[in-house]
Amino acid sequence: MRSIYRKIDGVWKWFEADGTPTESVAPAVHQDTMPRLRHPVTGHIYESKSAYMRATNRLGLTVVGNDLLSKRKNTPTDIVTEERVLEAIQKSESILSDPAKRNELKYKNQRLLEEYNKRIRRNE
């Protein structure tokens, strides 16, 4: 809601837009200090937000977004349990003990490596 600061009888007072008096509103004061922060490019440590922003602007960089990931609680959906670990161990042992499965895994990994190397050479 909009308010107006008006001088009446030598005293400054706040008034609502419709003319009714309101309580005085103090101006907002923002501090320039912040927790110690290392600049990701220069490596300098800043405690002043304006100094940090000047250094960032001097380098031609822009500060974007907020650190929303640190505010969100990390709840893993795929929890590792002892049963899953034992199941993975048994699966790996069964693959390595059977020569046919072991060779199948070896050839599969070899094909994946060849595909990966082809993609790398295309991007060079």
Protein backbone atom coordinates (compact mmCIF):
# COMPACT_ATOMS: atom_id res chain seq x y z
CA MET A 1 0.00 0.00 0.00
CA ARG A 2 1.29 3.44 -0.87
CA SER A 3 2.01 5.98 1.87
CA ILE A 4 3.02 9.64 1.78
CA TYR A 5 5.43 11.49 4.04
CA ARG A 6 4.05 15.03 4.60
CA LYS A 7 5.05 17.98 6.77
CA ILE A 8 2.14 19.29 8.86
CA ASP A 9 2.60 22.06 11.42
CA GLY A 10 6.37 21.67 11.19
CA VAL A 11 6.27 17.92 11.91
CA TRP A 12 6.84 15.23 9.31
CA LYS A 13 4.14 12.50 9.37
CA TRP A 14 3.25 9.39 7.36
CA PHE A 15 -0.17 9.28 5.67
CA GLU A 16 -1.91 6.50 3.77
CA ALA A 17 -2.86 7.22 0.16
CA ASP A 18 -6.43 7.94 1.32
CA GLY A 19 -5.16 10.59 3.77
CA THR A 20 -5.42 8.75 7.11
CA PRO A 21 -2.33 9.05 9.36
CA THR A 22 -0.16 5.96 9.87
CA GLU A 23 2.65 5.01 12.20
CA SER A 24 6.05 6.12 11.05
CA VAL A 25 7.99 3.63 9.00
CA ALA A 26 11.76 3.48 9.42
CA PRO A 27 13.84 3.19 6.27
CA ALA A 28 15.42 -0.18 5.54
CA VAL A 29 19.12 -0.42 6.30
CA HIS A 30 21.11 -3.08 4.48
CA GLN A 31 24.51 -4.04 5.76
CA ASP A 32 27.39 -4.51 3.37
CA THR A 33 28.94 -7.31 5.41
CA MET A 34 28.50 -10.99 4.67
CA PRO A 35 30.07 -14.24 5.85
CA ARG A 36 33.57 -14.82 4.49
CA LEU A 37 33.31 -15.85 0.84
CA ARG A 38 36.09 -17.01 -1.48
CA HIS A 39 35.74 -15.67 -5.02
CA PRO A 40 35.59 -18.69 -7.37
CA VAL A 41 37.76 -17.02 -10.04
CA THR A 42 40.31 -14.89 -8.19
CA GLY A 43 40.50 -16.90 -4.97
CA HIS A 44 40.39 -13.75 -2.81
CA ILE A 45 38.28 -13.84 0.34
CA TYR A 46 35.65 -11.11 0.72
CA GLU A 47 33.58 -10.00 3.69
CA SER A 48 32.04 -7.02 1.88
CA LYS A 49 29.30 -7.71 -0.63
CA SER A 50 29.98 -4.53 -2.60
CA ALA A 51 33.70 -5.36 -2.89
CA TYR A 52 32.81 -8.88 -4.07
CA MET A 53 30.39 -7.49 -6.66
CA ARG A 54 32.97 -4.91 -7.87
CA ALA A 55 35.56 -7.66 -8.36
CA THR A 56 33.02 -9.82 -10.19
CA ASN A 57 31.94 -6.95 -12.46
CA ARG A 58 35.57 -5.99 -13.13
CA LEU A 59 36.13 -9.49 -14.52
CA GLY A 60 33.06 -9.15 -16.75
CA LEU A 61 31.15 -11.84 -14.84
CA THR A 62 27.58 -11.89 -13.58
CA VAL A 63 26.22 -13.36 -10.36
CA VAL A 64 23.11 -15.39 -11.15
CA GLY A 65 20.58 -17.29 -9.07
CA ASN A 66 20.54 -18.41 -5.50
CA ASP A 67 22.01 -21.43 -3.82
CA LEU A 68 18.71 -23.30 -3.70
CA LEU A 69 20.32 -26.74 -3.57
CA SER A 70 21.68 -26.18 -0.08
CA LYS A 71 18.19 -25.23 1.15
CA ARG A 72 16.54 -28.39 -0.18
CA LYS A 73 16.84 -31.46 2.00
CA ASN A 74 18.58 -34.31 0.22
CA THR A 75 16.47 -37.43 0.59
CA PRO A 76 17.87 -40.30 -1.46
CA THR A 77 15.16 -42.43 -3.04
CA ASP A 78 17.47 -45.36 -3.74
CA ILE A 79 18.78 -46.32 -0.29
CA VAL A 80 21.63 -48.82 -0.08
CA THR A 81 20.76 -51.63 2.30
CA GLU A 82 22.74 -54.65 3.43
CA GLU A 83 20.43 -56.90 1.39
CA ARG A 84 21.16 -54.96 -1.80
CA VAL A 85 24.91 -55.12 -1.15
CA LEU A 86 24.79 -58.89 -0.62
CA GLU A 87 22.65 -59.29 -3.76
CA ALA A 88 25.21 -57.32 -5.81
CA ILE A 89 28.06 -59.43 -4.42
CA GLN A 90 26.26 -62.66 -5.29
CA LYS A 91 25.48 -61.38 -8.80
CA SER A 92 29.12 -60.43 -9.43
CA GLU A 93 30.36 -63.76 -8.08
CA SER A 94 27.94 -65.67 -10.30
CA ILE A 95 29.09 -63.73 -13.37
CA LEU A 96 32.77 -64.27 -12.63
CA SER A 97 32.37 -67.98 -11.81
CA ASP A 98 30.54 -68.81 -15.06
CA PRO A 99 32.90 -68.52 -18.07
CA ALA A 100 30.07 -67.78 -20.52
CA LYS A 101 28.71 -64.90 -18.41
CA ARG A 102 32.24 -63.62 -17.77
CA ASN A 103 33.02 -63.53 -21.53
CA GLU A 104 29.66 -61.89 -22.28
CA LEU A 105 30.43 -59.13 -19.76
CA LYS A 106 33.95 -58.73 -21.14
CA TYR A 107 32.69 -58.33 -24.73
CA LYS A 108 29.94 -55.94 -23.65
CA ASN A 109 32.48 -53.72 -21.88
CA GLN A 110 34.76 -53.92 -24.91
CA ARG A 111 31.94 -52.77 -27.24
CA LEU A 112 31.08 -49.88 -24.90
CA LEU A 113 34.72 -48.80 -24.84
CA GLU A 114 34.93 -48.88 -28.65
CA GLU A 115 31.75 -46.76 -28.96
CA TYR A 116 33.11 -44.30 -26.44
CA ASN A 117 36.42 -43.98 -28.31
CA LYS A 118 34.56 -43.39 -31.62
CA ARG A 119 32.51 -40.58 -30.05
CA ILE A 120 35.63 -39.00 -28.58
CA ARG A 121 37.40 -39.01 -31.96
CA ARG A 122 34.34 -37.39 -33.64
CA ASN A 123 34.35 -34.51 -31.14
CA GLU A 124 38.07 -33.72 -31.59
